[in-house]
C-alpha atoms as a PDB file:
ATOM      1  CA  MET A   1       0.107  -0.249  -0.158  1.00  0.00           C
ATOM      2  CA  ARG A   2       1.399   3.885  -0.509  1.00  0.00           C
ATOM      3  CA  VAL A   3      -0.314   6.924   1.266  1.00  0.00           C
ATOM      4  CA  ILE A   4      -0.199   9.745  -1.017  1.00  0.00           C
ATOM      5  CA  VAL A   5      -0.225  12.916   1.150  1.00  0.00           C
ATOM      6  CA  ALA A   6      -1.424  15.936   0.112  1.00  0.00           C
ATOM      7  CA  GLY A   7      -1.327  19.530   1.298  1.00  0.00           C
ATOM      8  CA  ASN A   8      -0.199  22.992   1.493  1.00  0.00           C
ATOM      9  CA  ASP A   9       2.866  22.946   3.891  1.00  0.00           C
ATOM     10  CA  GLU A  10       5.561  21.684   2.613  1.00  0.00           C
ATOM     11  CA  HIS A  11       7.298  21.145   5.158  1.00  0.00           C
ATOM     12  CA  ARG A  12       4.783  19.571   7.074  1.00  0.00           C
ATOM     13  CA  GLY A  13       4.036  17.456   4.717  1.00  0.00           C
ATOM     14  CA  HIS A  14       6.879  16.784   4.602  1.00  0.00           C
ATOM     15  CA  GLU A  15       7.243  15.135   7.857  1.00  0.00           C
ATOM     16  CA  VAL A  16       4.274  13.468   7.815  1.00  0.00           C
ATOM     17  CA  VAL A  17       5.570  11.487   4.806  1.00  0.00           C
ATOM     18  CA  ALA A  18       8.753  10.649   7.179  1.00  0.00           C
ATOM     19  CA  ARG A  19       6.926   8.909   9.760  1.00  0.00           C
ATOM     20  CA  ILE A  20       4.758   7.027   7.651  1.00  0.00           C
ATOM     21  CA  GLN A  21       8.255   5.760   5.722  1.00  0.00           C
ATOM     22  CA  GLU A  22       9.519   4.283   9.003  1.00  0.00           C
ATOM     23  CA  GLU A  23       7.362   2.561  10.081  1.00  0.00           C
ATOM     24  CA  SER A  24       6.279   1.548   6.232  1.00  0.00           C
ATOM     25  CA  GLY A  25       9.129   1.578   3.677  1.00  0.00           C
ATOM     26  CA  PRO A  26      11.072   3.764   2.081  1.00  0.00           C
ATOM     27  CA  GLU A  27       8.406   3.544  -1.168  1.00  0.00           C
ATOM     28  CA  SER A  28       5.028   3.809   1.535  1.00  0.00           C
ATOM     29  CA  ALA A  29       3.930   7.234   1.258  1.00  0.00           C
ATOM     30  CA  HIS A  30       4.937  10.302  -0.549  1.00  0.00           C
ATOM     31  CA  PHE A  31       4.240  13.983  -0.817  1.00  0.00           C
ATOM     32  CA  LEU A  32       1.856  15.944  -3.221  1.00  0.00           C
ATOM     33  CA  PHE A  33       1.303  19.658  -2.859  1.00  0.00           C
ATOM     34  CA  LEU A  34      -1.909  20.656  -2.928  1.00  0.00           C
ATOM     35  CA  ASP A  35      -4.103  23.807  -2.349  1.00  0.00           C
ATOM     36  CA  LEU A  36      -7.378  23.306  -2.021  1.00  0.00           C
ATOM     37  CA  ALA A  37      -8.661  27.372  -2.184  1.00  0.00           C
ATOM     38  CA  SER A  38      -6.858  27.595  -5.593  1.00  0.00           C
ATOM     39  CA  LEU A  39      -8.495  25.516  -8.312  1.00  0.00           C
ATOM     40  CA  SER A  40      -6.035  25.560 -10.589  1.00  0.00           C
ATOM     41  CA  SER A  41      -3.102  23.632  -7.950  1.00  0.00           C
ATOM     42  CA  VAL A  42      -6.277  21.176  -7.708  1.00  0.00           C
ATOM     43  CA  ARG A  43      -6.410  19.963 -11.124  1.00  0.00           C
ATOM     44  CA  SER A  44      -2.331  20.587 -11.423  1.00  0.00           C
ATOM     45  CA  PHE A  45      -2.423  18.152  -8.205  1.00  0.00           C
ATOM     46  CA  VAL A  46      -4.631  15.847 -10.263  1.00  0.00           C
ATOM     47  CA  ARG A  47      -2.105  15.558 -12.984  1.00  0.00           C
ATOM     48  CA  ASN A  48       0.802  14.973 -10.657  1.00  0.00           C
ATOM     49  CA  PHE A  49      -1.807  12.009  -9.623  1.00  0.00           C
ATOM     50  CA  GLU A  50      -1.842  11.000 -13.061  1.00  0.00           C
ATOM     51  CA  ALA A  51       1.582  10.833 -13.128  1.00  0.00           C
ATOM     52  CA  THR A  52       2.338   8.676 -10.730  1.00  0.00           C
ATOM     53  CA  ALA A  53       0.555   5.962 -12.236  1.00  0.00           C
ATOM     54  CA  LEU A  54      -0.567   4.382  -8.924  1.00  0.00           C
ATOM     55  CA  PRO A  55      -4.310   3.237  -8.322  1.00  0.00           C
ATOM     56  CA  LEU A  56      -6.454   4.954  -6.263  1.00  0.00           C
ATOM     57  CA  HIS A  57      -8.831   2.892  -3.675  1.00  0.00           C
ATOM     58  CA  LEU A  58      -9.160   5.683  -1.054  1.00  0.00           C
ATOM     59  CA  LEU A  59      -9.373   9.344  -1.355  1.00  0.00           C
ATOM     60  CA  ILE A  60     -10.126  10.583   2.170  1.00  0.00           C
ATOM     61  CA  ASN A  61     -10.888  14.728   2.154  1.00  0.00           C
ATOM     62  CA  ASN A  62     -10.202  15.827   4.909  1.00  0.00           C
ATOM     63  CA  ALA A  63      -9.221  19.587   5.250  1.00  0.00           C
ATOM     64  CA  GLY A  64     -11.038  22.620   5.908  1.00  0.00           C
ATOM     65  CA  VAL A  65     -10.765  25.901   7.572  1.00  0.00           C
ATOM     66  CA  MET A  66     -12.829  26.686  10.369  1.00  0.00           C
ATOM     67  CA  LEU A  67     -13.805  30.245  11.549  1.00  0.00           C
ATOM     68  CA  ASP A  68     -11.230  32.015   9.328  1.00  0.00           C
ATOM     69  CA  PRO A  69     -11.811  35.684   8.151  1.00  0.00           C
ATOM     70  CA  SER A  70      -9.135  35.346   5.685  1.00  0.00           C
ATOM     71  CA  GLY A  71     -11.111  36.510   2.504  1.00  0.00           C
ATOM     72  CA  ASN A  72     -11.805  34.725  -0.507  1.00  0.00           C
ATOM     73  CA  THR A  73      -9.851  32.043  -2.035  1.00  0.00           C
ATOM     74  CA  LYS A  74      -7.876  32.702  -5.339  1.00  0.00           C
ATOM     75  CA  ASP A  75     -10.688  31.682  -7.373  1.00  0.00           C
ATOM     76  CA  GLY A  76     -12.653  34.872  -5.987  1.00  0.00           C
ATOM     77  CA  PHE A  77     -14.935  32.144  -3.901  1.00  0.00           C
ATOM     78  CA  GLU A  78     -15.081  32.722   0.101  1.00  0.00           C
ATOM     79  CA  ARG A  79     -12.377  30.719   1.707  1.00  0.00           C
ATOM     80  CA  HIS A  80     -14.398  28.559   3.581  1.00  0.00           C
ATOM     81  CA  VAL A  81     -16.818  27.805   0.599  1.00  0.00           C
ATOM     82  CA  GLY A  82     -14.023  27.483  -1.819  1.00  0.00           C
ATOM     83  CA  VAL A  83     -11.534  25.393   0.122  1.00  0.00           C
ATOM     84  CA  ASN A  84     -14.064  22.956   2.229  1.00  0.00           C
ATOM     85  CA  PHE A  85     -16.402  22.555  -0.401  1.00  0.00           C
ATOM     86  CA  LEU A  86     -15.330  23.905  -3.849  1.00  0.00           C
ATOM     87  CA  GLY A  87     -11.965  22.218  -3.951  1.00  0.00           C
ATOM     88  CA  HIS A  88     -12.786  18.750  -2.161  1.00  0.00           C
ATOM     89  CA  PHE A  89     -16.002  18.462  -5.239  1.00  0.00           C
ATOM     90  CA  LEU A  90     -13.330  19.516  -7.933  1.00  0.00           C
ATOM     91  CA  LEU A  91     -11.044  17.092  -6.474  1.00  0.00           C
ATOM     92  CA  THR A  92     -13.483  13.759  -5.641  1.00  0.00           C
ATOM     93  CA  SER A  93     -14.914  14.510  -9.551  1.00  0.00           C
ATOM     94  CA  LEU A  94     -11.180  14.766 -11.484  1.00  0.00           C
ATOM     95  CA  LEU A  95     -10.680  11.755  -9.894  1.00  0.00           C
ATOM     96  CA  LEU A  96     -12.825   9.749 -10.303  1.00  0.00           C
ATOM     97  CA  PRO A  97     -11.683   7.886 -13.151  1.00  0.00           C
ATOM     98  CA  ALA A  98      -8.777   6.973 -11.316  1.00  0.00           C
ATOM     99  CA  LEU A  99     -11.031   5.508  -8.474  1.00  0.00           C
ATOM    100  CA  ARG A 100     -13.459   3.551 -10.667  1.00  0.00           C
ATOM    101  CA  ALA A 101     -10.333   1.978 -12.613  1.00  0.00           C
ATOM    102  CA  SER A 102      -8.639   0.801  -9.501  1.00  0.00           C
ATOM    103  CA  GLY A 103     -11.642  -0.936  -7.889  1.00  0.00           C
ATOM    104  CA  HIS A 104     -13.267  -4.043  -8.839  1.00  0.00           C
ATOM    105  CA  GLN A 105     -15.807  -6.728  -8.129  1.00  0.00           C
ATOM    106  CA  GLY A 106     -16.233  -7.436  -4.418  1.00  0.00           C
ATOM    107  CA  ARG A 107     -13.318  -4.496  -3.771  1.00  0.00           C
ATOM    108  CA  LYS A 108     -14.967  -0.876  -4.475  1.00  0.00           C
ATOM    109  CA  SER A 109     -12.524   2.450  -4.835  1.00  0.00           C
ATOM    110  CA  ARG A 110     -14.097   4.926  -1.507  1.00  0.00           C
ATOM    111  CA  VAL A 111     -13.689   8.123  -0.767  1.00  0.00           C
ATOM    112  CA  ILE A 112     -14.287   9.250   2.658  1.00  0.00           C
ATOM    113  CA  THR A 113     -15.164  13.045   2.995  1.00  0.00           C
ATOM    114  CA  VAL A 114     -14.452  14.745   6.732  1.00  0.00           C
ATOM    115  CA  CYS A 115     -16.070  17.502   8.057  1.00  0.00           C
ATOM    116  CA  SER A 116     -17.074  19.219  11.304  1.00  0.00           C
ATOM    117  CA  SER A 117     -20.149  20.426  12.982  1.00  0.00           C
ATOM    118  CA  THR A 118     -19.005  23.651  13.229  1.00  0.00           C
ATOM    119  CA  HIS A 119     -21.794  25.003  10.207  1.00  0.00           C
ATOM    120  CA  TRP A 120     -24.237  24.628  12.966  1.00  0.00           C
ATOM    121  CA  VAL A 121     -22.742  27.689  14.962  1.00  0.00           C
ATOM    122  CA  GLY A 122     -23.488  30.286  11.989  1.00  0.00           C
ATOM    123  CA  GLN A 123     -25.484  31.996   9.727  1.00  0.00           C
ATOM    124  CA  ALA A 124     -25.152  31.489   6.226  1.00  0.00           C
ATOM    125  CA  ASP A 125     -24.955  35.039   3.765  1.00  0.00           C
ATOM    126  CA  VAL A 126     -25.271  33.291  -0.056  1.00  0.00           C
ATOM    127  CA  ALA A 127     -23.900  35.258  -1.500  1.00  0.00           C
ATOM    128  CA  ARG A 128     -20.875  36.515   0.327  1.00  0.00           C
ATOM    129  CA  LEU A 129     -20.362  32.637   0.061  1.00  0.00           C
ATOM    130  CA  LEU A 130     -20.247  33.203  -3.538  1.00  0.00           C
ATOM    131  CA  GLY A 131     -17.765  35.770  -3.927  1.00  0.00           C
ATOM    132  CA  GLN A 132     -20.668  37.994  -4.589  1.00  0.00           C
ATOM    133  CA  ARG A 133     -20.072  40.745  -1.626  1.00  0.00           C
END
């Protein structure tokens, strides 16, 4: 089994890869840069992943921002929507062919999306979420 660690902090990503490799061997984990706040970065990540020719049996969407007042993504969307939803949606959509190709009868590939219960504490201004304000 191989693990692709994706993230926008290369230093932390390589630290995680090193810990996995200590336990499981040098080919067990690799880091690929991914900034979910940039749709072009998501597309680039998918191209880089496809270039590895590795199968994709499990995709875990586990990145997110919470209570981050930093504004909009590079694509003009409110940061929470861009990172927590649009980035994951595009990533999963673009990786569906790899997921389908890697699964087989009796052992299909899986997608797991992790989220928090933070949505219960606020109200949504839809125009702002879509970057219109």
